[in-house]
């Protein structure tokens, strides 16, 4: 193949897809992290190691849909005894509520770039509105995996008491800051 034909073919591969594209969340590059005040002494952090979900993104229509499912039992704060307590009935109650789910309702754009996603968070059987601010966003060819995908960093805050998680209040903070890093690729 000559350079005359190779360059247009390469550019066609690199062009952004037109219209809505479906993506599957890559669980090896997607984590939900959280931060909470611990009695005014420190900020405790943790993450959930197992996620799944789908994204539909249409840059031309400036719209999309997201569902991120977080396995509550995959909670990891770096201290096993605390993790066992947090998985229990007084906190995340993973036996009765194994999933934490975020479902989008609307993408918010600034020109061509999505800057937020508004939706609903399902936690402990309660459903509350949640807005995730998008601090990083990119769609394109990931050379490491050899395929097109999208990635983002998003963050928001919630009051755990609104979901019925009252344990430790007011000594352990009510506000929880949630950070989600996500990478997603078209399904195989």
N, C-alpha and C. Protein backbone atom coordinates (compact mmCIF):
# COMPACT_ATOMS: atom_id res chain seq x y z
N UNK A 1 0.85 -1.17 0.00
CA UNK A 1 0.00 0.00 0.00
C UNK A 1 0.90 1.23 0.00
N UNK A 2 0.64 2.14 -0.86
CA UNK A 2 1.45 3.35 -0.94
C UNK A 2 1.01 4.36 0.10
N UNK A 3 1.88 5.34 0.34
CA UNK A 3 1.59 6.41 1.29
C UNK A 3 0.35 7.18 0.89
N UNK A 4 0.11 7.24 -0.42
CA UNK A 4 -1.06 7.95 -0.93
C UNK A 4 -2.35 7.34 -0.38
N UNK A 5 -2.39 6.02 -0.19
CA UNK A 5 -3.58 5.34 0.32
C UNK A 5 -3.50 5.10 1.82
N UNK A 6 -2.31 4.97 2.35
CA UNK A 6 -2.11 4.69 3.77
C UNK A 6 -2.55 5.86 4.65
N UNK A 7 -2.19 7.08 4.28
CA UNK A 7 -2.53 8.24 5.09
C UNK A 7 -4.04 8.42 5.23
N UNK A 8 -4.83 8.40 4.15
CA UNK A 8 -6.28 8.52 4.32
C UNK A 8 -6.88 7.39 5.16
N UNK A 9 -6.36 6.18 5.01
CA UNK A 9 -6.86 5.06 5.80
C UNK A 9 -6.56 5.27 7.28
N UNK A 10 -5.37 5.75 7.59
CA UNK A 10 -5.00 6.02 8.98
C UNK A 10 -5.86 7.13 9.56
N UNK A 11 -6.06 8.19 8.81
CA UNK A 11 -6.90 9.29 9.28
C UNK A 11 -8.34 8.84 9.51
N UNK A 12 -8.84 7.98 8.68
CA UNK A 12 -10.21 7.46 8.86
C UNK A 12 -10.31 6.66 10.14
N UNK A 13 -9.28 5.92 10.49
CA UNK A 13 -9.27 5.15 11.74
C UNK A 13 -9.22 6.05 12.96
N UNK A 14 -8.58 7.19 12.83
CA UNK A 14 -8.42 8.09 13.97
C UNK A 14 -9.59 9.05 14.14
N UNK A 15 -10.44 9.19 13.14
CA UNK A 15 -11.56 10.12 13.23
C UNK A 15 -12.51 9.70 14.33
N UNK A 16 -13.16 10.68 14.93
CA UNK A 16 -14.14 10.37 15.96
C UNK A 16 -15.34 9.69 15.33
N UNK A 17 -15.92 8.73 16.03
CA UNK A 17 -17.10 8.07 15.49
C UNK A 17 -18.27 9.05 15.41
N UNK A 18 -19.07 8.90 14.36
CA UNK A 18 -20.24 9.76 14.19
C UNK A 18 -21.43 9.11 14.87
N UNK A 19 -22.28 9.93 15.51
CA UNK A 19 -23.48 9.42 16.15
C UNK A 19 -23.18 8.74 17.47
N UNK A 20 -24.23 8.14 18.02
CA UNK A 20 -24.12 7.47 19.32
C UNK A 20 -23.27 6.21 19.22
N UNK A 21 -22.44 6.01 20.23
CA UNK A 21 -21.60 4.82 20.31
C UNK A 21 -21.82 4.19 21.67
N UNK A 22 -21.95 2.87 21.68
CA UNK A 22 -22.10 2.14 22.93
C UNK A 22 -20.74 1.67 23.42
N UNK A 23 -20.53 1.81 24.73
CA UNK A 23 -19.28 1.41 25.36
C UNK A 23 -19.59 0.54 26.57
N UNK A 24 -18.65 -0.33 26.85
CA UNK A 24 -18.72 -1.16 28.04
C UNK A 24 -17.60 -0.72 28.98
N UNK A 25 -17.92 -0.54 30.24
CA UNK A 25 -16.92 -0.09 31.21
C UNK A 25 -15.83 -1.15 31.36
N UNK A 26 -14.59 -0.69 31.34
CA UNK A 26 -13.43 -1.56 31.56
C UNK A 26 -13.19 -1.63 33.07
N UNK A 27 -13.52 -2.76 33.70
CA UNK A 27 -13.39 -2.85 35.15
C UNK A 27 -11.94 -2.77 35.66
N UNK A 28 -10.98 -2.99 34.79
CA UNK A 28 -9.58 -2.90 35.23
C UNK A 28 -9.07 -1.47 35.23
N UNK A 29 -9.88 -0.53 34.73
CA UNK A 29 -9.50 0.88 34.71
C UNK A 29 -10.61 1.79 35.25
N UNK A 30 -11.56 1.21 35.97
CA UNK A 30 -12.68 1.98 36.50
C UNK A 30 -12.81 1.71 37.99
N UNK A 31 -12.74 2.79 38.77
CA UNK A 31 -12.85 2.67 40.22
C UNK A 31 -13.69 3.81 40.77
N UNK A 32 -14.43 3.52 41.81
CA UNK A 32 -15.12 4.55 42.57
C UNK A 32 -14.37 4.71 43.88
N UNK A 33 -13.93 5.93 44.16
CA UNK A 33 -13.21 6.24 45.39
C UNK A 33 -14.07 7.17 46.23
N UNK A 34 -13.89 7.12 47.55
CA UNK A 34 -14.65 8.02 48.41
C UNK A 34 -13.77 8.60 49.50
N UNK A 35 -14.20 9.74 50.02
CA UNK A 35 -13.53 10.43 51.12
C UNK A 35 -14.58 10.86 52.13
N UNK A 36 -14.24 10.74 53.42
CA UNK A 36 -15.16 11.13 54.48
C UNK A 36 -14.36 11.63 55.67
N UNK A 37 -14.89 12.64 56.33
CA UNK A 37 -14.23 13.18 57.52
C UNK A 37 -14.29 12.17 58.66
N UNK A 38 -13.18 11.97 59.34
CA UNK A 38 -13.12 11.05 60.48
C UNK A 38 -12.87 11.83 61.76
N UNK A 39 -13.97 12.25 62.38
CA UNK A 39 -13.95 12.92 63.68
C UNK A 39 -13.11 14.20 63.70
N UNK A 40 -12.93 14.82 62.54
CA UNK A 40 -12.17 16.05 62.47
C UNK A 40 -10.67 15.85 62.49
N UNK A 41 -10.21 14.62 62.69
CA UNK A 41 -8.78 14.34 62.77
C UNK A 41 -8.16 14.10 61.40
N UNK A 42 -8.92 13.45 60.51
CA UNK A 42 -8.34 13.08 59.22
C UNK A 42 -9.45 12.88 58.20
N UNK A 43 -9.03 12.72 56.98
CA UNK A 43 -9.93 12.33 55.90
C UNK A 43 -9.66 10.86 55.60
N UNK A 44 -10.66 10.04 55.81
CA UNK A 44 -10.52 8.62 55.50
C UNK A 44 -10.90 8.40 54.05
N UNK A 45 -10.16 7.54 53.39
CA UNK A 45 -10.40 7.26 51.97
C UNK A 45 -10.55 5.76 51.75
N UNK A 46 -11.27 5.44 50.72
CA UNK A 46 -11.43 4.05 50.33
C UNK A 46 -11.85 3.97 48.88
N UNK A 47 -11.92 2.76 48.38
CA UNK A 47 -12.36 2.57 47.00
C UNK A 47 -13.13 1.28 46.90
N UNK A 48 -13.83 1.15 45.79
CA UNK A 48 -14.52 -0.09 45.45
C UNK A 48 -13.78 -0.69 44.27
N UNK A 49 -13.34 -1.91 44.42
CA UNK A 49 -12.47 -2.54 43.43
C UNK A 49 -13.20 -3.18 42.25
N UNK A 50 -14.51 -3.35 42.34
CA UNK A 50 -15.24 -4.02 41.25
C UNK A 50 -16.38 -3.14 40.75
N UNK A 51 -16.34 -2.86 39.46
CA UNK A 51 -17.36 -2.05 38.81
C UNK A 51 -17.76 -2.70 37.49
N UNK A 52 -18.91 -2.31 37.01
CA UNK A 52 -19.36 -2.74 35.68
C UNK A 52 -20.32 -1.66 35.17
N UNK A 53 -20.70 -1.78 33.93
CA UNK A 53 -21.67 -0.83 33.41
C UNK A 53 -21.51 -0.54 31.94
N UNK A 54 -22.38 0.35 31.47
CA UNK A 54 -22.42 0.72 30.06
C UNK A 54 -22.52 2.24 29.93
N UNK A 55 -22.05 2.70 28.80
CA UNK A 55 -22.14 4.11 28.45
C UNK A 55 -22.58 4.19 27.00
N UNK A 56 -23.48 5.09 26.71
CA UNK A 56 -23.82 5.45 25.33
C UNK A 56 -23.51 6.93 25.22
N UNK A 57 -22.70 7.28 24.26
CA UNK A 57 -22.26 8.66 24.13
C UNK A 57 -22.44 9.13 22.70
N UNK A 58 -23.10 10.27 22.54
CA UNK A 58 -23.33 10.85 21.22
C UNK A 58 -22.84 12.31 21.24
N UNK A 59 -21.60 12.55 20.78
CA UNK A 59 -21.07 13.91 20.84
C UNK A 59 -21.81 14.88 19.93
N UNK A 60 -22.34 14.39 18.81
CA UNK A 60 -23.05 15.28 17.90
C UNK A 60 -24.36 15.78 18.50
N UNK A 61 -25.09 14.89 19.17
CA UNK A 61 -26.36 15.26 19.79
C UNK A 61 -26.16 15.82 21.20
N UNK A 62 -24.91 15.81 21.65
CA UNK A 62 -24.59 16.26 23.02
C UNK A 62 -25.48 15.55 24.04
N UNK A 63 -25.43 14.24 23.96
CA UNK A 63 -26.26 13.45 24.87
C UNK A 63 -25.55 12.12 25.16
N UNK A 64 -26.13 11.40 26.06
CA UNK A 64 -25.60 10.10 26.40
C UNK A 64 -26.35 9.48 27.55
N UNK A 65 -25.97 8.28 27.86
CA UNK A 65 -26.54 7.53 28.98
C UNK A 65 -25.41 6.79 29.67
N UNK A 66 -25.50 6.74 30.99
CA UNK A 66 -24.49 6.03 31.76
C UNK A 66 -25.19 5.18 32.81
N UNK A 67 -24.71 3.97 32.99
CA UNK A 67 -25.06 3.17 34.15
C UNK A 67 -23.77 2.56 34.68
N UNK A 68 -23.45 2.92 35.91
CA UNK A 68 -22.27 2.37 36.57
C UNK A 68 -22.76 1.59 37.77
N UNK A 69 -22.37 0.34 37.83
CA UNK A 69 -22.76 -0.55 38.93
C UNK A 69 -21.50 -0.84 39.75
N UNK A 70 -21.57 -0.54 41.04
CA UNK A 70 -20.44 -0.73 41.94
C UNK A 70 -20.76 -1.87 42.89
N UNK A 71 -19.88 -2.83 42.98
CA UNK A 71 -20.04 -3.95 43.90
C UNK A 71 -19.66 -3.46 45.30
N UNK A 72 -20.67 -3.28 46.17
CA UNK A 72 -20.44 -2.71 47.50
C UNK A 72 -19.49 -3.58 48.33
N UNK A 73 -19.51 -4.88 48.14
CA UNK A 73 -18.64 -5.78 48.92
C UNK A 73 -17.17 -5.64 48.52
N UNK A 74 -16.90 -4.99 47.39
CA UNK A 74 -15.50 -4.83 46.95
C UNK A 74 -14.83 -3.63 47.63
N UNK A 75 -15.49 -3.07 48.64
CA UNK A 75 -14.96 -1.93 49.40
C UNK A 75 -13.58 -2.26 49.97
N UNK A 76 -12.67 -1.31 49.86
CA UNK A 76 -11.31 -1.50 50.36
C UNK A 76 -10.79 -0.17 50.90
N UNK A 77 -10.58 -0.08 52.23
CA UNK A 77 -10.01 1.11 52.84
C UNK A 77 -8.56 0.88 53.25
N UNK A 78 -8.05 -0.32 52.97
CA UNK A 78 -6.68 -0.63 53.35
C UNK A 78 -6.56 -1.24 54.74
N UNK A 79 -7.67 -1.43 55.43
CA UNK A 79 -7.67 -2.01 56.77
C UNK A 79 -8.82 -3.01 56.86
N UNK A 80 -8.50 -4.30 56.81
CA UNK A 80 -9.49 -5.36 56.70
C UNK A 80 -10.57 -5.35 57.76
N UNK A 81 -10.21 -5.10 59.02
CA UNK A 81 -11.20 -5.09 60.09
C UNK A 81 -12.23 -3.98 59.87
N UNK A 82 -11.76 -2.79 59.49
CA UNK A 82 -12.68 -1.68 59.19
C UNK A 82 -13.56 -2.03 57.99
N UNK A 83 -12.97 -2.65 56.97
CA UNK A 83 -13.74 -3.02 55.78
C UNK A 83 -14.88 -3.97 56.15
N UNK A 84 -14.60 -4.94 57.03
CA UNK A 84 -15.64 -5.87 57.47
C UNK A 84 -16.78 -5.13 58.18
N UNK A 85 -16.44 -4.16 59.03
CA UNK A 85 -17.45 -3.37 59.72
C UNK A 85 -18.26 -2.56 58.71
N UNK A 86 -17.59 -1.92 57.75
CA UNK A 86 -18.29 -1.10 56.76
C UNK A 86 -19.19 -1.93 55.84
N UNK A 87 -18.85 -3.19 55.63
CA UNK A 87 -19.70 -4.07 54.81
C UNK A 87 -20.94 -4.53 55.57
N UNK A 88 -20.93 -4.36 56.89
CA UNK A 88 -22.01 -4.84 57.75
C UNK A 88 -23.29 -4.05 57.66
N UNK A 89 -24.29 -4.52 58.43
CA UNK A 89 -25.65 -3.98 58.39
C UNK A 89 -25.73 -2.51 58.80
N UNK A 90 -24.83 -2.03 59.66
CA UNK A 90 -24.90 -0.64 60.11
C UNK A 90 -24.34 0.36 59.11
N UNK A 91 -23.66 -0.14 58.08
CA UNK A 91 -23.07 0.76 57.09
C UNK A 91 -23.60 0.45 55.70
N UNK A 92 -22.83 -0.28 54.89
CA UNK A 92 -23.24 -0.55 53.51
C UNK A 92 -24.20 -1.72 53.37
N UNK A 93 -24.30 -2.55 54.38
CA UNK A 93 -25.24 -3.68 54.39
C UNK A 93 -25.19 -4.43 53.06
N UNK A 94 -24.01 -4.91 52.71
CA UNK A 94 -23.80 -5.52 51.39
C UNK A 94 -24.59 -6.80 51.19
N UNK A 95 -25.01 -7.44 52.29
CA UNK A 95 -25.82 -8.66 52.16
C UNK A 95 -27.17 -8.33 51.52
N UNK A 96 -27.81 -7.27 51.98
CA UNK A 96 -29.13 -6.91 51.45
C UNK A 96 -29.07 -5.96 50.25
N UNK A 97 -27.97 -5.19 50.15
CA UNK A 97 -27.83 -4.19 49.08
C UNK A 97 -26.46 -4.34 48.42
N UNK A 98 -26.30 -5.36 47.58
CA UNK A 98 -24.97 -5.66 47.02
C UNK A 98 -24.44 -4.64 46.02
N UNK A 99 -25.32 -3.82 45.44
CA UNK A 99 -24.89 -2.88 44.39
C UNK A 99 -25.20 -1.43 44.76
N UNK A 100 -24.29 -0.57 44.37
CA UNK A 100 -24.50 0.88 44.37
C UNK A 100 -24.55 1.24 42.90
N UNK A 101 -25.57 1.97 42.49
CA UNK A 101 -25.78 2.21 41.06
C UNK A 101 -25.93 3.71 40.79
N UNK A 102 -25.22 4.19 39.78
CA UNK A 102 -25.44 5.54 39.27
C UNK A 102 -26.00 5.42 37.86
N UNK A 103 -27.16 6.07 37.64
CA UNK A 103 -27.77 6.12 36.31
C UNK A 103 -27.94 7.58 35.91
N UNK A 104 -27.43 7.90 34.74
CA UNK A 104 -27.53 9.28 34.28
C UNK A 104 -28.93 9.58 33.78
N UNK A 105 -29.25 10.87 33.82
CA UNK A 105 -30.49 11.36 33.23
C UNK A 105 -30.19 12.42 32.18
N UNK A 106 -29.04 13.09 32.36
CA UNK A 106 -28.73 14.18 31.43
C UNK A 106 -27.24 14.49 31.48
N UNK A 107 -26.66 14.69 30.29
CA UNK A 107 -25.29 15.19 30.18
C UNK A 107 -25.35 16.71 30.10
N UNK A 108 -24.38 17.37 30.70
CA UNK A 108 -24.27 18.83 30.64
C UNK A 108 -23.00 19.14 29.84
N UNK A 109 -23.12 19.99 28.81
CA UNK A 109 -22.00 20.30 27.93
C UNK A 109 -21.60 21.75 28.05
N UNK A 110 -20.32 22.03 27.85
CA UNK A 110 -19.79 23.37 27.64
C UNK A 110 -19.15 23.33 26.26
N UNK A 111 -19.80 23.93 25.30
CA UNK A 111 -19.42 23.79 23.89
C UNK A 111 -19.46 22.31 23.52
N UNK A 112 -18.34 21.75 23.11
CA UNK A 112 -18.30 20.36 22.65
C UNK A 112 -17.97 19.37 23.76
N UNK A 113 -17.62 19.86 24.94
CA UNK A 113 -17.09 19.00 26.00
C UNK A 113 -18.13 18.75 27.08
N UNK A 114 -18.36 17.47 27.46
CA UNK A 114 -19.23 17.22 28.61
C UNK A 114 -18.53 17.66 29.90
N UNK A 115 -19.25 18.41 30.73
CA UNK A 115 -18.67 18.93 31.97
C UNK A 115 -19.35 18.37 33.22
N UNK A 116 -20.50 17.72 33.04
CA UNK A 116 -21.19 17.13 34.18
C UNK A 116 -22.20 16.10 33.68
N UNK A 117 -22.58 15.23 34.60
CA UNK A 117 -23.64 14.26 34.33
C UNK A 117 -24.59 14.33 35.53
N UNK A 118 -25.86 14.54 35.25
CA UNK A 118 -26.87 14.55 36.30
C UNK A 118 -27.63 13.24 36.23
N UNK A 119 -27.89 12.68 37.40
CA UNK A 119 -28.58 11.40 37.42
C UNK A 119 -29.08 11.05 38.80
N UNK A 120 -29.23 9.76 39.03
CA UNK A 120 -29.72 9.23 40.29
C UNK A 120 -28.71 8.23 40.83
N UNK A 121 -28.51 8.28 42.15
CA UNK A 121 -27.67 7.31 42.84
C UNK A 121 -28.57 6.41 43.66
N UNK A 122 -28.38 5.10 43.52
CA UNK A 122 -29.11 4.12 44.30
C UNK A 122 -28.14 3.54 45.32
N UNK A 123 -28.45 3.74 46.60
CA UNK A 123 -27.60 3.27 47.70
C UNK A 123 -28.51 2.84 48.84
N UNK A 124 -28.31 1.65 49.34
CA UNK A 124 -29.10 1.11 50.45
C UNK A 124 -30.61 1.15 50.15
N UNK A 125 -30.97 0.95 48.89
CA UNK A 125 -32.36 0.93 48.50
C UNK A 125 -33.00 2.30 48.35
N UNK A 126 -32.26 3.35 48.61
CA UNK A 126 -32.75 4.72 48.46
C UNK A 126 -32.25 5.29 47.14
N UNK A 127 -33.05 6.13 46.52
CA UNK A 127 -32.70 6.76 45.24
C UNK A 127 -32.70 8.26 45.45
N UNK A 128 -31.57 8.89 45.14
CA UNK A 128 -31.43 10.33 45.33
C UNK A 128 -30.74 10.93 44.09
N UNK A 129 -31.05 12.21 43.79
CA UNK A 129 -30.37 12.88 42.68
C UNK A 129 -28.89 13.05 42.99
N UNK A 130 -28.07 12.99 41.95
CA UNK A 130 -26.63 13.21 42.11
C UNK A 130 -26.09 13.83 40.84
N UNK A 131 -25.21 14.78 41.02
CA UNK A 131 -24.52 15.42 39.90
C UNK A 131 -23.04 15.10 40.03
N UNK A 132 -22.47 14.59 38.96
CA UNK A 132 -21.04 14.32 38.90
C UNK A 132 -20.40 15.34 37.97
N UNK A 133 -19.47 16.11 38.49
CA UNK A 133 -18.72 17.08 37.69
C UNK A 133 -17.60 16.33 36.97
N UNK A 134 -17.49 16.52 35.68
CA UNK A 134 -16.46 15.85 34.90
C UNK A 134 -15.23 16.75 34.86
N UNK A 135 -14.14 16.26 35.43
CA UNK A 135 -12.91 17.06 35.50
C UNK A 135 -11.91 16.68 34.42
N UNK A 136 -12.09 15.53 33.81
CA UNK A 136 -11.23 15.10 32.71
C UNK A 136 -12.08 14.25 31.78
N UNK A 137 -11.90 14.44 30.48
CA UNK A 137 -12.68 13.67 29.51
C UNK A 137 -11.89 13.54 28.22
N UNK A 138 -11.89 12.33 27.66
CA UNK A 138 -11.21 12.12 26.39
C UNK A 138 -11.79 10.89 25.70
N UNK A 139 -12.02 11.03 24.42
CA UNK A 139 -12.36 9.90 23.56
C UNK A 139 -11.30 9.84 22.47
N UNK A 140 -10.89 8.66 22.10
CA UNK A 140 -9.89 8.52 21.05
C UNK A 140 -9.32 7.12 21.02
N UNK A 141 -8.28 6.97 20.25
CA UNK A 141 -7.60 5.69 20.10
C UNK A 141 -6.63 5.49 21.26
N UNK A 142 -6.82 4.42 22.00
CA UNK A 142 -5.90 4.05 23.07
C UNK A 142 -4.87 3.11 22.45
N UNK A 143 -3.66 3.61 22.27
CA UNK A 143 -2.63 2.82 21.61
C UNK A 143 -2.23 1.59 22.42
N UNK A 144 -2.37 1.65 23.74
CA UNK A 144 -1.99 0.51 24.59
C UNK A 144 -2.88 -0.70 24.35
N UNK A 145 -4.16 -0.48 24.10
CA UNK A 145 -5.08 -1.60 23.89
C UNK A 145 -5.49 -1.74 22.42
N UNK A 146 -5.11 -0.76 21.60
CA UNK A 146 -5.36 -0.86 20.17
C UNK A 146 -6.81 -0.66 19.77
N UNK A 147 -7.57 0.08 20.57
CA UNK A 147 -8.95 0.34 20.18
C UNK A 147 -9.39 1.70 20.70
N UNK A 148 -10.49 2.17 20.11
CA UNK A 148 -11.06 3.46 20.49
C UNK A 148 -11.81 3.31 21.80
N UNK A 149 -11.81 4.37 22.57
CA UNK A 149 -12.55 4.34 23.82
C UNK A 149 -12.72 5.74 24.36
N UNK A 150 -13.36 5.83 25.49
CA UNK A 150 -13.55 7.10 26.19
C UNK A 150 -13.16 6.90 27.65
N UNK A 151 -12.68 7.98 28.24
CA UNK A 151 -12.34 7.95 29.65
C UNK A 151 -12.71 9.26 30.30
N UNK A 152 -12.92 9.22 31.60
CA UNK A 152 -13.29 10.43 32.33
C UNK A 152 -12.97 10.28 33.80
N UNK A 153 -12.77 11.42 34.44
CA UNK A 153 -12.73 11.52 35.89
C UNK A 153 -13.92 12.38 36.26
N UNK A 154 -14.70 11.92 37.24
CA UNK A 154 -15.88 12.67 37.68
C UNK A 154 -15.95 12.65 39.19
N UNK A 155 -16.57 13.68 39.74
CA UNK A 155 -16.69 13.74 41.20
C UNK A 155 -17.98 14.43 41.61
N UNK A 156 -18.45 14.04 42.78
CA UNK A 156 -19.66 14.64 43.33
C UNK A 156 -19.68 14.41 44.83
N UNK A 157 -20.70 14.92 45.48
CA UNK A 157 -20.83 14.77 46.93
C UNK A 157 -22.25 14.33 47.26
N UNK A 158 -22.36 13.59 48.34
CA UNK A 158 -23.66 13.13 48.82
C UNK A 158 -23.67 13.19 50.34
N UNK A 159 -24.88 13.21 50.90
CA UNK A 159 -25.05 13.11 52.34
C UNK A 159 -25.51 11.68 52.63
N UNK A 160 -24.68 10.95 53.34
CA UNK A 160 -25.00 9.54 53.59
C UNK A 160 -26.27 9.38 54.40
N UNK A 161 -26.58 10.35 55.27
CA UNK A 161 -27.80 10.27 56.08
C UNK A 161 -29.05 10.24 55.20
N UNK A 162 -29.00 10.86 54.01
CA UNK A 162 -30.15 10.86 53.11
C UNK A 162 -30.44 9.47 52.54
N UNK A 163 -29.47 8.58 52.66
CA UNK A 163 -29.64 7.20 52.20
C UNK A 163 -29.90 6.26 53.38
N UNK A 164 -30.05 6.83 54.59
CA UNK A 164 -30.32 6.01 55.77
C UNK A 164 -29.07 5.53 56.49
N UNK A 165 -27.90 5.99 56.08
CA UNK A 165 -26.65 5.57 56.72
C UNK A 165 -26.35 6.57 57.84
N UNK A 166 -26.85 6.25 59.05
CA UNK A 166 -26.77 7.17 60.19
C UNK A 166 -25.63 6.85 61.15
N UNK A 167 -25.05 5.68 61.08
CA UNK A 167 -24.05 5.25 62.05
C UNK A 167 -22.89 6.24 62.14
N UNK A 168 -22.53 6.58 63.40
CA UNK A 168 -21.37 7.42 63.64
C UNK A 168 -21.61 8.91 63.55
N UNK A 169 -22.82 9.32 63.15
CA UNK A 169 -23.11 10.76 63.07
C UNK A 169 -23.21 11.34 64.48
N UNK A 170 -22.75 12.51 64.78
CA UNK A 170 -22.11 13.47 63.89
C UNK A 170 -20.59 13.36 63.88
N UNK A 171 -20.04 12.37 64.58
CA UNK A 171 -18.59 12.28 64.72
C UNK A 171 -17.89 11.91 63.42
N UNK A 172 -18.48 11.01 62.70
CA UNK A 172 -17.96 10.66 61.38
C UNK A 172 -18.82 11.43 60.38
N UNK A 173 -18.19 12.08 59.43
CA UNK A 173 -18.87 13.02 58.54
C UNK A 173 -20.09 12.49 57.84
N UNK A 174 -21.01 13.40 57.57
CA UNK A 174 -22.20 13.07 56.80
C UNK A 174 -21.93 13.22 55.30
N UNK A 175 -21.09 14.21 54.94
CA UNK A 175 -20.78 14.41 53.53
C UNK A 175 -19.73 13.41 53.07
N UNK A 176 -20.04 12.75 51.98
CA UNK A 176 -19.11 11.81 51.35
C UNK A 176 -18.78 12.36 49.97
N UNK A 177 -17.51 12.50 49.69
CA UNK A 177 -17.07 12.93 48.36
C UNK A 177 -16.75 11.68 47.54
N UNK A 178 -17.41 11.58 46.41
CA UNK A 178 -17.29 10.41 45.54
C UNK A 178 -16.52 10.81 44.28
N UNK A 179 -15.51 10.03 43.94
CA UNK A 179 -14.71 10.24 42.72
C UNK A 179 -14.81 8.95 41.91
N UNK A 180 -15.09 9.10 40.63
CA UNK A 180 -15.15 7.92 39.75
C UNK A 180 -14.22 8.16 38.57
N UNK A 181 -13.28 7.24 38.41
CA UNK A 181 -12.45 7.26 37.20
C UNK A 181 -12.94 6.11 36.34
N UNK A 182 -13.14 6.39 35.06
CA UNK A 182 -13.73 5.38 34.19
C UNK A 182 -13.03 5.36 32.83
N UNK A 183 -12.86 4.17 32.31
CA UNK A 183 -12.49 3.96 30.91
C UNK A 183 -13.48 2.97 30.35
N UNK A 184 -13.89 3.21 29.10
CA UNK A 184 -14.89 2.34 28.47
C UNK A 184 -14.56 2.18 27.00
N UNK A 185 -14.86 0.98 26.50
CA UNK A 185 -14.56 0.62 25.10
C UNK A 185 -15.76 -0.09 24.50
N UNK A 186 -15.90 -0.05 23.17
CA UNK A 186 -17.01 -0.78 22.55
C UNK A 186 -16.96 -2.26 22.93
N UNK A 187 -18.12 -2.86 23.14
CA UNK A 187 -18.12 -4.29 23.50
C UNK A 187 -17.50 -5.14 22.40
N UNK A 188 -16.90 -6.25 22.80
CA UNK A 188 -16.26 -7.12 21.78
C UNK A 188 -17.26 -7.71 20.81
